[in-house]
Structure formats: C-alpha cells, structure tokens
Amino acid sequence: MRPLVATINLAALRHNASVARRCAPERKLFAVVKANAYGHGVREVVTALHDEVEGFAVASLDEAAEVRALHGVGRILLLEGCFAAVEYQYAAQLRLDVVVHSERQLEQLLASELACPLNIWLKLDSGMHRLGFAASQLRHCYERLKGAPQVAELNLISHFACADERGSEQTEEQLAEFLGLLDLDFSHRSLANSAGVLTIPAAHMDWLRPGIMLYGASPFADLSAAELGLHPVMSLRGELLACRELAVGETVGYGAAWQAQRPSRIGTVSCGYADGYPRHAPSGTPVMVAGKRVPLVGRVSMDLLCVDLTDAPEASVGDPVELWGEQLPVDEVARCAGTIGYELLSKVTARVARRYFST
C-alpha cells in the first residue's frame, strides 16, 4: 500500500470533548460532525463520542441519516435545515432537530403533514449576515410557530462571526442581539461554537456546539491548541521515498520553482495535493522527518512533495514523515499555507487510509 496514513486518536477526541464539558459543566453538547467529522470519519467519531455528548450537529439529511443509524437516541441538529419541502417528512422519521432560517423554510414546514412534530431551532441573524432572520422577523416567526402542530419544541440558535478574534466588538454586539430575545419563551438556546465555548461564558446558554476544538485544532490565531489544553486527533503521516544530492543552481519540482543556493540534499515524500495537502503551501513550510523539522521546497505535486534534508544528514529512505499531527500542529501548517486548520483536516481525501486507535 502507498505509505500515507491519517492516524486518528480517539482518546484525544474524547479528551477534547471533556475540555468542552469542563468549560460549561451544566450545559449540553452538540458535537459538530459535518463533513465526515471534519475529515476524521463520522462513523468512528460518533461511536467514540456516543456516551460523551448529548447530540450531534450535521449539515444535511444524508449526514443526519448516517449519524442516526449509529446513535438511536441522541439529538441530531440539522444546521442548515431542510432544502426541500419533502425533507421535513424524512426529518420527522429520523427525529431530528431542524434549523429554520428563512421564510421559505418556514412556509414549507407549516405546510407539511408530519408523522410526528419536530424540534425546531429558529436561527437569528445576529450579525453574521449569512443565514437567519433579523430579530424583528424572528419574533414574527416565533408567533407563527408557537403551538403549530408541526412543532414539538421551539428553540433559538445563532452563530458568531468573529468569536475567533478575542475582544471583538462584533461578538459583543451579536451576544447582545441574542440576549435581546430572552423575553421569548424558547425551550433551549444555542450560540457558542468552539471559540465561544472556550472563551465566552456568557454565550454558553443551554447547548454548546464544539466543532474544531474536538479535533484538536485551535479556533484562535493567537492561542495554540496546546495552550487551550487540546490534543491533536489526526496525524497525517507518510514516508521518505527518495533522497538525492543537488548542486548549487539545480532546481526542484514543477516550474523549477525552487533553486539550490548551496549544495543540497533533497528528499521526496509520499504526499501531495490529491491527498489533501495544500498545493499552495510555500517553500519553508515545516515538515517532520524522523522527528526533525525540515522545510518544504518547490511546488507540491499531485502525489509527492519535496523537502530540504541538507541540515538532516541522518535522514534516509524509509524514514517516517509527519505532515501535521502530534509533532507538528495542523494550525502551524495552515498558517504557512495561508489557510486554517479546518480546511486542511476536512480536505484529507478518501484515498488516504484512516487508522484508528485509542490510548
């Protein structure tokens, strides 16, 4: 088999869930497992968290159906709601919690004949300006849904735009907008994403929605996962496939984008952008070879990338390589590539084997 594996530490996953729990011991948790649990494998993640959280959050009905097959009693929150009227019937069969964020969704819900009523979460656009109702609209929707036969429980939800920027004025404004609806008799409220869970106690409400923190990455640019007490869950590991000596002036990779400024020793690694490693990662991005940090050189290709081993003369073919994980935080690699850890984790492709362990 091709020597590239994403190893997933389920004990670290459970540890990170316990960090969220300790931040707000009296609250309930929707573990966010959309996008194949951020690339970690939804089946394994849901199974590992089965007894650790009260519910799961997903983006679509097919994701919800997969989670329901694994967890027969936990609450499952459909974050973007239903995309067509017929989906409400399926959502009722799956006993989902469903977000309603638009007039269209509201009308489709009220026109539906359901086998059983749904737990509905009205979404407030508190300042993200992506999905949701303005506060005045939401009050009108509340009146229409309160007591409707399609509704078992009426709840309130919103989402922060800048919670990852500590001290953001917009976060304070969004929190105030949300708290401005406390006079309405909602059964449950949910506002805190990972950043809110970790640093905004006033946003904890009834249900927390930890996402990236579960997978051991930080939602903040100025606080590392380690500083937050989080453990990395995924380690992307390959192997050193080849080593060669380059003279001054010789180049590496497509476009001859990197040129040796000294006699250099170059290693080739079994990972590329078809595996999910960012093609735009620049030369200098760190890679761990046999436990030693070395720089990426040249362009990342589909199946391979190259590193400069000149200062690691002991490195040899067959040595283990970590692209990110326990030795090298995914957030550091993401910053070098001009992106975020969320993207790197969720883009690890299906051709990369996942190996699960719990220690």
Foldseek 3Di string as FASTA:
>chain_A
DAFKFKEFALQLLLVLLVLLCVLPVQAFEAEECELCQLQQHSLVNCLSCVPPGQHYEYADDVVLVVSCVNHVHGEYEHPVFDPDLVVLQVCLVSQYEGEDFDPVRLVSLLPDDHPQAHNYEAEECLPQPPTHDDPVVVVVSLVVPVPRRNHPFYEYEYEDDPLQPPPDPSVVSSLVSVVVPPVDDGPFYAYAEQSCSQPPSSRHTHYYYYGPSSQQADSYPPAGSVNSVRAHGIWIKWWFADKDWDAAQQADDPPSQFGHNHTFIKTKIFAAVLQLQDQQQAWQQWKAWLNDTWTWHDTGDNGITMTTCRVPVVGDGGTMITPDHRSHHLQSSQVSSVHGSSRSSSRRDPVHHYHYDYD
